[in-house]
C-alpha cells in the first residue's frame, strides 16, 4: 500500500529533461533513473519515501519542491 504505479507521461519526460539540465548547469550529476523518479513525483505531485541521498541533493541544489519523507 506504500507504492502506487505512476504513468510516465510526456509531461514527466519534459520535467526530467528540464530537471537534468538545471542540475547539470549547477554542476550536479545524479543517476538518470533518480531524475526520472523525481520528475514523476513532481509531475504527479506525490511525496517520495526514500533514503537515497541523491533526492536530497536534487532538492537542495535545484529549484525542486520535492516532498521527501
Protein backbone atom coordinates (compact mmCIF):
# COMPACT_ATOMS: atom_id res chain seq x y z
CA UNK A 1 0.00 0.00 0.00
CA UNK A 2 3.03 2.29 0.16
CA UNK A 3 3.75 2.12 -3.55
CA UNK A 4 1.49 3.30 -6.32
CA UNK A 5 2.31 2.95 -10.01
CA UNK A 6 2.52 6.25 -11.84
CA UNK A 7 2.28 6.69 -15.56
CA UNK A 8 5.41 8.29 -17.03
CA UNK A 9 3.70 10.72 -19.37
CA UNK A 10 5.02 13.30 -21.81
CA UNK A 11 4.93 15.98 -19.07
CA UNK A 12 7.12 13.67 -16.95
CA UNK A 13 9.66 13.38 -19.78
CA UNK A 14 9.70 17.16 -20.20
CA UNK A 15 10.13 17.66 -16.45
CA UNK A 16 13.01 15.16 -16.42
CA UNK A 17 14.78 16.97 -19.26
CA UNK A 18 14.38 20.34 -17.55
CA UNK A 19 15.45 18.95 -14.19
CA UNK A 20 18.58 17.26 -15.51
CA UNK A 21 19.54 20.37 -17.50
CA UNK A 22 19.10 22.59 -14.45
CA UNK A 23 21.15 20.30 -12.23
CA UNK A 24 23.95 19.92 -14.78
CA UNK A 25 24.26 23.71 -15.18
CA UNK A 26 24.85 23.79 -11.41
CA UNK A 27 27.47 21.05 -11.65
CA UNK A 28 25.25 18.39 -10.10
CA UNK A 29 25.15 14.94 -11.67
CA UNK A 30 22.83 12.26 -10.33
CA UNK A 31 21.78 8.92 -11.82
CA UNK A 32 19.25 9.37 -14.59
CA UNK A 33 16.82 6.90 -13.05
CA UNK A 34 16.68 9.15 -9.97
CA UNK A 35 15.90 12.10 -12.24
CA UNK A 36 13.03 10.07 -13.76
CA UNK A 37 11.64 9.20 -10.32
CA UNK A 38 11.87 12.83 -9.17
CA UNK A 39 10.20 14.05 -12.37
CA UNK A 40 7.32 11.61 -11.95
CA UNK A 41 6.84 12.56 -8.29
CA UNK A 42 6.85 16.25 -9.13
CA UNK A 43 4.53 15.89 -12.10
CA UNK A 44 2.04 13.73 -10.20
CA UNK A 45 2.50 15.79 -7.02
CA UNK A 46 3.19 12.84 -4.74
CA UNK A 47 5.70 12.54 -1.90
CA UNK A 48 8.76 10.31 -2.15
CA UNK A 49 9.67 7.87 0.57
CA UNK A 50 13.41 7.48 0.12
CA UNK A 51 16.74 7.14 1.89
CA UNK A 52 18.68 7.88 -1.32
CA UNK A 53 20.82 10.99 -0.80
CA UNK A 54 20.52 11.96 -4.49
CA UNK A 55 16.97 13.18 -3.91
CA UNK A 56 18.04 15.48 -1.07
CA UNK A 57 20.84 16.73 -3.31
CA UNK A 58 18.37 17.44 -6.12
CA UNK A 59 16.08 19.27 -3.73
CA UNK A 60 18.85 21.38 -2.19
CA UNK A 61 20.69 22.25 -5.42
CA UNK A 62 17.74 22.52 -7.79
CA UNK A 63 14.58 24.55 -7.63
CA UNK A 64 12.61 21.46 -6.65
CA UNK A 65 9.69 21.27 -4.33
CA UNK A 66 10.30 17.57 -3.79
CA UNK A 67 8.29 16.27 -0.85
CA UNK A 68 10.69 13.80 0.76
CA UNK A 69 9.52 11.53 3.55
